[in-house]
Protein backbone atom coordinates (compact mmCIF):
# COMPACT_ATOMS: atom_id res chain seq x y z
CA MET A 1 30.12 11.52 -33.59
CA ALA A 2 29.83 7.78 -34.01
CA SER A 3 31.83 5.84 -31.48
CA GLU A 4 34.32 3.17 -32.54
CA GLY A 5 32.45 0.15 -33.85
CA ALA A 6 29.17 2.02 -34.17
CA GLY A 7 27.53 2.94 -37.45
CA ALA A 8 27.57 6.45 -38.81
CA ARG A 9 24.69 8.88 -38.39
CA VAL A 10 23.82 10.91 -41.49
CA MET A 11 21.58 13.93 -42.01
CA ILE A 12 20.17 14.48 -45.50
CA ILE A 13 19.20 18.09 -46.08
CA GLY A 14 16.09 18.27 -48.24
CA GLY A 15 13.07 16.14 -49.06
CA GLY A 16 11.33 14.56 -52.01
CA GLY A 17 12.41 11.99 -54.57
CA ARG A 18 16.10 12.88 -54.81
CA SER A 19 16.49 12.85 -51.03
CA HIS A 20 14.52 9.61 -50.82
CA ALA A 21 16.98 7.98 -53.26
CA LEU A 22 19.95 9.31 -51.30
CA GLY A 23 18.39 7.94 -48.13
CA GLU A 24 17.95 4.50 -49.68
CA ALA A 25 21.56 4.47 -50.92
CA LEU A 26 22.88 5.47 -47.50
CA ARG A 27 20.55 3.26 -45.49
CA GLN A 28 21.88 0.15 -47.26
CA SER A 29 25.49 1.25 -46.71
CA PRO A 30 27.19 -1.05 -44.17
CA SER A 31 28.84 1.97 -42.50
CA VAL A 32 25.53 3.72 -41.73
CA ALA A 33 23.35 3.18 -38.67
CA GLN A 34 20.91 6.08 -38.97
CA VAL A 35 19.57 8.41 -41.68
CA VAL A 36 17.64 11.55 -40.74
CA PHE A 37 16.03 13.99 -43.19
CA ALA A 38 15.85 17.73 -42.53
CA PRO A 39 13.13 18.61 -43.08
CA GLY A 40 12.09 15.56 -45.09
CA THR A 41 8.39 15.03 -45.71
CA SER A 42 5.52 13.31 -43.97
CA GLY A 43 5.55 10.93 -46.94
CA LEU A 44 9.06 9.83 -45.96
CA GLU A 45 7.88 9.45 -42.37
CA TRP A 46 5.13 7.16 -43.68
CA LEU A 47 7.90 5.00 -45.13
CA GLY A 48 9.58 4.78 -41.73
CA TYR A 49 12.28 7.44 -42.09
CA GLU A 50 13.20 9.86 -39.33
CA THR A 51 12.83 13.58 -39.97
CA ALA A 52 13.82 16.78 -38.18
CA PRO A 53 11.72 19.97 -38.40
CA VAL A 54 14.46 22.20 -39.83
CA ALA A 55 13.88 23.78 -43.25
CA SER A 56 16.55 23.29 -45.91
CA GLN A 57 16.80 27.09 -46.28
CA ASP A 58 17.34 27.62 -42.54
CA LEU A 59 21.13 27.52 -42.61
CA PRO A 60 21.71 28.65 -38.99
CA GLY A 61 19.09 26.16 -37.81
CA LEU A 62 20.73 23.32 -39.72
CA VAL A 63 24.14 24.15 -38.26
CA GLU A 64 22.65 24.24 -34.77
CA HIS A 65 20.86 20.92 -35.30
CA ALA A 66 23.99 19.23 -36.68
CA LEU A 67 26.04 20.47 -33.72
CA MET A 68 23.46 19.22 -31.27
CA GLU A 69 23.04 15.79 -32.90
CA GLU A 70 26.74 15.32 -33.79
CA PHE A 71 26.07 13.77 -37.18
CA ASP A 72 29.02 12.06 -38.84
CA LEU A 73 28.03 13.52 -42.21
CA SER A 74 25.45 15.87 -43.66
CA VAL A 75 24.49 15.56 -47.33
CA VAL A 76 22.89 18.45 -49.21
CA GLY A 77 20.18 17.57 -51.73
CA PRO A 78 18.83 20.83 -53.24
CA ASN A 79 20.92 23.52 -54.88
CA THR A 80 19.65 26.62 -53.08
CA PRO A 81 21.40 25.87 -49.74
CA LEU A 82 24.64 25.17 -51.63
CA VAL A 83 24.48 28.44 -53.55
CA ASP A 84 23.64 30.23 -50.29
CA GLY A 85 26.79 28.86 -48.63
CA ILE A 86 25.63 26.08 -46.33
CA VAL A 87 28.90 24.17 -46.78
CA ASP A 88 30.92 27.22 -45.76
CA ARG A 89 28.82 27.56 -42.59
CA PHE A 90 29.16 23.89 -41.67
CA GLU A 91 32.91 23.85 -42.27
CA ALA A 92 33.36 27.02 -40.20
CA ALA A 93 31.60 25.20 -37.35
CA GLY A 94 33.81 22.12 -37.79
CA LEU A 95 30.96 19.99 -39.14
CA PRO A 96 31.49 17.36 -41.88
CA ILE A 97 29.30 18.00 -44.91
CA PHE A 98 29.13 16.74 -48.50
CA GLY A 99 28.86 19.41 -51.18
CA PRO A 100 30.73 22.33 -52.75
CA THR A 101 31.41 25.67 -51.14
CA ARG A 102 29.46 28.76 -52.13
CA ALA A 103 32.23 29.88 -54.49
CA ALA A 104 32.36 26.52 -56.26
CA ALA A 105 28.55 26.30 -56.43
CA ARG A 106 28.46 29.51 -58.43
CA ILE A 107 28.82 27.52 -61.66
CA GLU A 108 25.24 26.40 -61.03
CA GLY A 109 23.96 29.45 -59.18
CA SER A 110 24.78 31.89 -61.98
CA LYS A 111 24.14 30.92 -65.58
CA ALA A 112 26.04 34.00 -66.73
CA HIS A 113 29.10 33.04 -64.67
CA ALA A 114 28.97 29.48 -66.00
CA ARG A 115 28.65 30.58 -69.63
CA LEU A 116 31.54 33.02 -69.36
CA LEU A 117 33.66 30.31 -67.74
CA MET A 118 32.81 27.89 -70.57
CA GLY A 119 33.74 30.49 -73.14
CA ARG A 120 37.09 31.18 -71.49
CA LEU A 121 37.94 27.47 -71.21
CA GLY A 122 36.78 26.51 -74.70
CA VAL A 123 34.04 24.17 -73.48
CA PRO A 124 31.72 23.14 -76.35
CA THR A 125 28.54 25.13 -75.82
CA PRO A 126 25.95 26.97 -77.94
CA ARG A 127 26.66 30.55 -78.97
CA PHE A 128 25.66 32.91 -76.20
CA ALA A 129 25.69 36.46 -74.93
CA VAL A 130 25.29 37.76 -71.38
CA CYS A 131 23.07 40.83 -71.40
CA ASP A 132 22.95 43.33 -68.55
CA THR A 133 20.44 45.64 -70.20
CA VAL A 134 17.05 45.19 -71.81
CA ASP A 135 18.16 47.11 -74.90
CA ARG A 136 21.11 44.80 -75.51
CA ALA A 137 19.03 41.64 -75.14
CA HIS A 138 16.26 43.07 -77.33
CA HIS A 139 18.76 44.02 -80.03
CA LEU A 140 20.14 40.48 -80.08
CA ALA A 141 16.69 38.93 -80.23
CA MET A 142 15.69 41.11 -83.16
CA THR A 143 18.92 41.02 -85.18
CA ARG A 144 20.47 37.58 -84.58
CA SER A 145 18.62 34.56 -85.89
CA TRP A 146 20.48 32.31 -83.44
CA ALA A 147 19.30 34.23 -80.35
CA ARG A 148 16.31 32.07 -79.45
CA VAL A 149 16.95 30.75 -75.92
CA PHE A 150 16.58 33.03 -72.89
CA LYS A 151 17.70 32.12 -69.38
CA ALA A 152 17.30 34.12 -66.21
CA ASP A 153 20.61 34.46 -64.37
CA GLY A 154 20.02 32.47 -61.22
CA ILE A 155 18.28 29.39 -59.86
CA ALA A 156 14.88 29.30 -61.53
CA TYR A 157 14.88 25.71 -62.79
CA ASP A 158 12.96 25.27 -66.03
CA LYS A 159 10.69 28.17 -65.11
CA GLY A 160 13.62 30.47 -65.85
CA VAL A 161 14.18 29.19 -69.38
CA ARG A 162 12.30 30.11 -72.53
CA VAL A 163 13.07 28.34 -75.81
CA THR A 164 11.60 30.04 -78.87
CA MET A 165 11.46 29.64 -82.64
CA ARG A 166 10.69 33.12 -83.99
CA ALA A 167 11.60 36.71 -83.22
CA ASP A 168 8.11 37.59 -82.00
CA GLU A 169 8.27 34.70 -79.51
CA ALA A 170 11.72 35.85 -78.46
CA GLU A 171 10.39 39.30 -77.65
CA GLN A 172 7.71 37.85 -75.37
CA ALA A 173 10.23 35.56 -73.67
CA LEU A 174 12.54 38.50 -73.11
CA HIS A 175 9.65 40.47 -71.66
CA ASP A 176 8.90 37.64 -69.23
CA VAL A 177 12.50 37.31 -68.10
CA MET A 178 13.62 40.93 -67.90
CA TYR A 179 10.64 43.27 -67.85
CA ASP A 180 8.20 41.40 -65.63
CA ASN A 181 10.91 39.48 -63.73
CA VAL A 182 8.38 36.67 -63.46
CA TYR A 183 10.94 34.40 -61.84
CA GLY A 184 11.49 36.60 -58.81
CA LEU A 185 15.25 36.80 -59.30
CA GLU A 186 17.43 39.52 -57.89
CA SER A 187 19.61 39.79 -60.99
CA ASP A 188 18.49 41.68 -64.10
CA ARG A 189 20.90 39.76 -66.30
CA VAL A 190 19.75 37.25 -68.86
CA VAL A 191 21.75 34.78 -70.92
CA VAL A 192 20.77 34.71 -74.58
CA GLU A 193 21.72 31.48 -76.34
CA GLU A 194 21.60 29.72 -79.65
CA ARG A 195 18.93 27.07 -79.95
CA ILE A 196 20.48 23.63 -80.45
CA ASP A 197 18.10 20.85 -81.45
CA GLY A 198 18.84 17.26 -80.53
CA VAL A 199 18.47 14.91 -77.58
CA GLU A 200 19.27 15.88 -74.00
CA VAL A 201 21.59 13.72 -71.92
CA THR A 202 23.19 14.07 -68.51
CA VAL A 203 26.58 12.77 -67.39
CA PHE A 204 26.87 12.40 -63.64
CA THR A 205 30.17 12.48 -61.76
CA LEU A 206 31.60 12.88 -58.28
CA CYS A 207 34.59 15.14 -57.70
CA ASP A 208 37.12 15.23 -54.85
CA GLY A 209 38.48 18.64 -55.79
CA ARG A 210 40.77 17.43 -58.57
CA HIS A 211 39.66 14.03 -59.82
CA LEU A 212 36.35 12.94 -61.34
CA GLU A 213 34.64 9.58 -61.10
CA VAL A 214 31.77 8.93 -63.52
CA LEU A 215 28.73 7.28 -61.93
CA GLY A 216 26.64 7.08 -65.09
CA HIS A 217 24.64 8.89 -67.73
CA VAL A 218 21.00 9.20 -68.71
CA LEU A 219 18.80 10.18 -71.64
CA ASN A 220 16.38 12.87 -70.47
CA TYR A 221 12.74 13.46 -71.36
CA PRO A 222 12.45 17.09 -70.25
CA ARG A 223 9.09 18.16 -71.68
CA LEU A 224 5.67 17.45 -70.29
CA ARG A 225 4.02 15.49 -73.09
CA ASP A 226 4.85 12.64 -75.45
CA GLY A 227 7.08 13.48 -78.37
CA ASP A 228 8.79 16.23 -76.34
CA ALA A 229 5.75 18.45 -76.70
CA GLY A 230 4.41 20.87 -74.13
CA PRO A 231 6.22 23.08 -71.64
CA PRO A 232 9.58 22.20 -70.09
CA SER A 233 9.42 20.34 -66.82
CA ARG A 234 12.05 19.30 -64.31
CA GLY A 235 12.09 15.85 -65.88
CA MET A 236 9.36 13.36 -66.83
CA GLY A 237 11.57 10.29 -67.08
CA GLN A 238 14.92 8.91 -68.10
CA VAL A 239 16.71 5.98 -69.68
CA SER A 240 20.04 4.91 -68.20
CA PRO A 241 22.53 4.40 -69.62
CA ALA A 242 21.73 6.79 -72.47
CA PRO A 243 21.61 4.48 -75.52
CA MET A 244 23.40 6.94 -77.82
CA VAL A 245 26.31 7.60 -75.43
CA ASP A 246 29.31 5.27 -75.43
CA ASP A 247 32.49 5.17 -73.34
CA ALA A 248 34.43 7.21 -75.90
CA MET A 249 31.85 10.01 -75.79
CA VAL A 250 31.86 10.01 -71.98
CA ALA A 251 35.66 10.29 -71.96
CA ASP A 252 35.45 13.17 -74.44
CA ILE A 253 32.83 14.97 -72.34
CA VAL A 254 34.93 14.58 -69.20
CA ALA A 255 38.07 15.79 -70.98
CA ARG A 256 36.50 18.79 -72.73
CA ALA A 257 33.57 19.83 -70.54
CA LEU A 258 34.23 18.73 -66.96
CA GLN A 259 37.92 18.36 -66.13
CA PRO A 260 38.85 21.84 -67.43
CA VAL A 261 36.29 23.39 -65.07
CA VAL A 262 37.51 21.33 -62.12
CA ASP A 263 41.13 22.24 -62.88
CA ASP A 264 40.31 25.93 -63.24
CA LEU A 265 38.46 26.05 -59.93
CA ALA A 266 41.30 24.21 -58.18
CA ALA A 267 43.85 26.63 -59.64
CA ASP A 268 41.80 29.50 -58.21
CA GLY A 269 41.81 27.88 -54.77
CA ILE A 270 38.16 26.79 -55.05
CA PRO A 271 38.29 22.99 -55.14
CA LEU A 272 34.93 21.50 -56.09
CA ARG A 273 34.19 18.62 -53.75
CA GLY A 274 30.82 17.02 -54.30
CA ALA A 275 28.52 16.04 -57.12
CA LEU A 276 29.08 17.52 -60.57
CA PHE A 277 26.78 16.68 -63.42
CA VAL A 278 26.46 18.26 -66.80
CA ASP A 279 23.38 18.57 -69.01
CA LEU A 280 24.22 18.35 -72.70
CA MET A 281 22.42 18.53 -76.01
CA LEU A 282 23.59 15.97 -78.55
CA SER A 283 23.18 17.46 -82.01
CA HIS A 284 24.35 15.38 -84.98
CA GLY A 285 26.45 13.33 -82.57
CA ALA A 286 28.27 16.32 -81.07
CA PRO A 287 27.75 17.30 -77.40
CA TYR A 288 27.02 20.89 -76.37
CA VAL A 289 26.95 21.86 -72.71
CA ILE A 290 23.65 23.33 -71.55
CA ASP A 291 24.19 23.62 -67.78
CA TYR A 292 26.41 22.57 -64.90
CA ASN A 293 24.90 21.32 -61.66
CA VAL A 294 26.76 20.81 -58.39
CA ARG A 295 24.29 18.62 -56.51
CA PHE A 296 22.52 15.35 -57.06
CA GLY A 297 20.13 15.63 -59.99
CA ASP A 298 16.44 14.88 -59.87
CA PRO A 299 15.28 12.40 -61.18
CA ALA A 300 18.81 11.29 -62.21
CA THR A 301 19.61 10.34 -58.61
CA GLN A 302 16.65 7.98 -58.46
CA THR A 303 17.52 6.47 -61.83
CA MET A 304 21.24 5.93 -61.29
CA LEU A 305 21.74 5.28 -57.58
CA SER A 306 19.32 2.37 -57.72
CA ALA A 307 21.98 0.61 -59.81
CA TYR A 308 24.56 0.67 -57.01
CA THR A 309 24.97 -1.34 -53.84
CA GLY A 310 27.77 -1.08 -51.31
CA ASP A 311 29.21 1.57 -49.05
CA PHE A 312 27.92 4.79 -50.58
CA TYR A 313 28.73 6.56 -47.32
CA ALA A 314 32.43 5.78 -47.87
CA VAL A 315 32.17 7.26 -51.37
CA LEU A 316 30.73 10.53 -50.07
CA GLN A 317 33.34 10.76 -47.32
CA ALA A 318 36.15 10.13 -49.82
CA CYS A 319 34.72 12.86 -52.02
CA ARG A 320 34.57 15.27 -49.09
CA THR A 321 38.06 14.57 -47.77
CA GLY A 322 39.77 14.26 -51.15
CA VAL A 323 41.22 10.86 -50.26
CA GLY A 324 40.38 7.50 -51.84
CA LEU A 325 37.49 8.42 -54.13
CA ARG A 326 38.51 6.13 -56.99
CA GLU A 327 38.92 3.17 -54.65
CA ALA A 328 35.61 3.83 -52.88
CA VAL A 329 33.68 4.00 -56.16
CA ALA A 330 35.43 0.88 -57.47
CA ALA A 331 34.33 -0.99 -54.33
CA LEU A 332 30.65 -0.42 -55.16
CA THR A 333 28.71 -3.11 -57.03
CA ARG A 334 26.94 -1.82 -60.12
CA ASP A 335 24.03 -3.46 -61.90
CA THR A 336 24.71 -2.63 -65.56
CA ARG A 337 21.26 -3.53 -66.87
CA PRO A 338 19.21 -0.75 -68.50
CA ARG A 339 16.99 1.32 -66.24
CA VAL A 340 13.92 3.36 -67.07
CA SER A 341 12.38 5.93 -64.74
CA VAL A 342 8.89 7.35 -65.19
CA VAL A 343 7.61 10.36 -63.25
CA ALA A 344 3.96 10.91 -62.33
CA VAL A 345 3.00 14.56 -61.83
CA CYS A 346 -0.06 16.28 -60.42
CA GLU A 347 -2.86 17.82 -62.45
CA GLY A 348 -1.93 21.19 -63.95
CA TYR A 349 1.84 20.66 -63.66
CA PRO A 350 4.00 22.70 -64.12
CA GLN A 351 1.95 25.93 -64.21
CA LYS A 352 -1.37 25.71 -62.35
CA MET A 353 -0.86 22.74 -60.10
CA VAL A 354 -3.75 21.07 -58.29
CA ARG A 355 -2.87 19.88 -54.80
CA GLY A 356 -4.58 17.65 -52.29
CA ALA A 357 -5.55 14.65 -54.44
CA ARG A 358 -5.74 11.39 -52.51
CA VAL A 359 -2.84 9.05 -53.45
CA GLU A 360 -3.22 5.28 -53.39
CA LEU A 361 0.06 3.35 -53.35
CA ASP A 362 0.66 -0.38 -53.42
CA ALA A 363 3.95 -0.22 -51.52
CA ALA A 364 4.22 -4.01 -51.35
CA LEU A 365 4.38 -4.21 -55.15
CA PHE A 366 7.68 -2.33 -55.09
CA ARG A 367 8.99 -3.68 -51.80
CA ASP A 368 8.68 -7.30 -52.93
CA ASP A 369 10.32 -6.86 -56.36
CA PRO A 370 14.11 -6.32 -56.37
CA ASP A 371 13.95 -4.79 -59.86
CA LEU A 372 11.42 -2.07 -59.02
CA TRP A 373 11.86 1.13 -57.00
CA LEU A 374 9.31 3.72 -55.88
CA PHE A 375 10.46 7.18 -54.80
CA LEU A 376 8.13 9.69 -53.17
CA ASP A 377 8.36 13.33 -54.14
CA GLY A 378 5.36 15.62 -53.65
CA VAL A 379 3.47 13.41 -51.20
CA ARG A 380 2.27 14.15 -47.67
CA PHE A 381 0.81 11.79 -45.10
CA VAL A 382 -2.15 12.64 -42.89
CA ALA A 383 -2.57 10.29 -39.94
CA GLY A 384 -5.84 8.42 -40.03
CA GLU A 385 -6.53 9.53 -43.60
CA GLY A 386 -3.73 8.60 -46.00
CA LEU A 387 -1.46 10.14 -48.62
CA TYR A 388 -2.10 13.31 -50.64
CA THR A 389 -0.36 15.21 -53.43
CA THR A 390 1.43 18.43 -52.56
CA GLY A 391 1.97 19.68 -56.12
CA GLY A 392 4.66 19.15 -58.74
CA ARG A 393 6.17 15.75 -59.27
CA THR A 394 4.42 13.20 -57.10
CA VAL A 395 6.29 9.90 -57.46
CA SER A 396 8.87 8.32 -59.72
CA VAL A 397 9.11 4.64 -60.58
CA VAL A 398 12.35 2.98 -61.69
CA ALA A 399 12.59 -0.46 -63.27
CA ALA A 400 15.60 -2.53 -64.33
CA ALA A 401 15.52 -5.27 -66.97
CA GLY A 402 17.59 -6.91 -69.69
CA THR A 403 16.64 -4.33 -72.34
CA VAL A 404 15.36 -0.76 -72.41
CA ALA A 405 12.05 -1.95 -73.86
CA GLU A 406 11.60 -4.50 -71.08
CA ALA A 407 12.54 -1.96 -68.40
CA ALA A 408 10.06 0.56 -69.80
CA ALA A 409 7.29 -2.05 -69.91
CA ARG A 410 7.98 -3.01 -66.29
CA ALA A 411 8.06 0.61 -65.11
CA TYR A 412 4.74 1.46 -66.77
CA ALA A 413 3.09 -1.75 -65.57
CA ALA A 414 4.18 -1.06 -61.99
CA LEU A 415 3.08 2.57 -62.17
CA ASP A 416 -0.33 1.66 -63.56
CA ALA A 417 -0.86 -1.09 -60.99
CA GLY A 418 0.67 0.56 -57.95
CA VAL A 419 0.06 4.33 -58.14
CA ARG A 420 -3.28 6.11 -58.47
CA PHE A 421 -4.47 9.65 -57.88
CA ALA A 422 -6.92 12.01 -59.55
CA GLY A 423 -5.40 14.08 -62.34
CA MET A 424 -2.22 11.99 -62.55
CA HIS A 425 -0.21 12.75 -65.68
CA VAL A 426 2.52 10.50 -67.10
CA ARG A 427 4.46 10.59 -70.36
CA ARG A 428 3.89 7.33 -72.21
CA ASP A 429 6.91 7.38 -74.51
CA ILE A 430 9.83 6.98 -72.09
CA GLY A 431 12.18 4.46 -73.67
CA ARG A 432 10.09 4.13 -76.84
CA GLY A 433 12.07 3.19 -79.93
CA PHE A 434 14.88 1.41 -78.07
CA SER A 435 15.26 -2.35 -78.01
């Protein structure tokens, strides 16, 4: 562990854009002396970060590495290690780690569990049914006009969700989820939901087991093409704060959708300590919960953490220990100007992705401008050659300005001037329509 007077040493478990943003937030923290990614990426190494060759799914290997290196804190980026119980393993070994236990992470790991919990607690959510058999799900799809959204029960990201309009589409979606098991999930259960049309927003909080502190909220652009056309993606851009969300709505969401879940888990002896963000659909001004997530979102982390300076390490430690979270968050400095993030993805995303395109980055463009941020996601570095795409989301650019329109213009200008690779796809309507 860090000696008295020395800075803390932190291991970030994961890689890509979310981990990059966490690394930036921790590296500028006055309490931190060293940030190491496990496994990180060669793209992060190109930026000067340290990495360790331990996969984020290798839980025993991560425990062994943390014991050997005596990190003062480990921070989990992706959800799979959390759902698999990495926090339980670290705590059993006496290692400090930020994130919820396996039991608490179940509200993200099982969509069926989360939906049943919402129903029991009266959380505003679309109508739903949890189906354990193909016949039951098929009957709902054919006889209930509201049964148009189908979710595989497990971590499948947007690949495990099908949103349909008609019964014949519903039948195909059901076939994909339950007959073919195209998502490779162990569970045969599927959650059938009502389709709610509106705009998608995310409210991001930190939780110390009982109390919540709101870090911010964003308007999401979840589909691949302009006008919310095309297949669902894991996020093509965001506007923060979400223009249609005010303080009263945030307070209502916390009171009705977040705090009841935190209280219920605490009452069951499962305190949720870590990140907790909620995806919602706003329909006619009313929020409906779509999903809970118990880790830092992507690209929400890039969008929101760039607004904060100060001792983010102290915030994470307060969250983990359950002591002083409100004070630690209040001590941060927040830039309240609008932010717009734009994500560039590889050719063929999200289905048939083309990898290996040469990436040209003007890193100085972002390094020299305090209102621009560049986060690397699916990028690898080959010594003596350069940067290449690895599939999926490649980079995200965040810009801050006095208005949403100005922030969007700056983000697109920086992306066009500073990022180039063959087959690059970008939505061009992030922030459109807002002044």
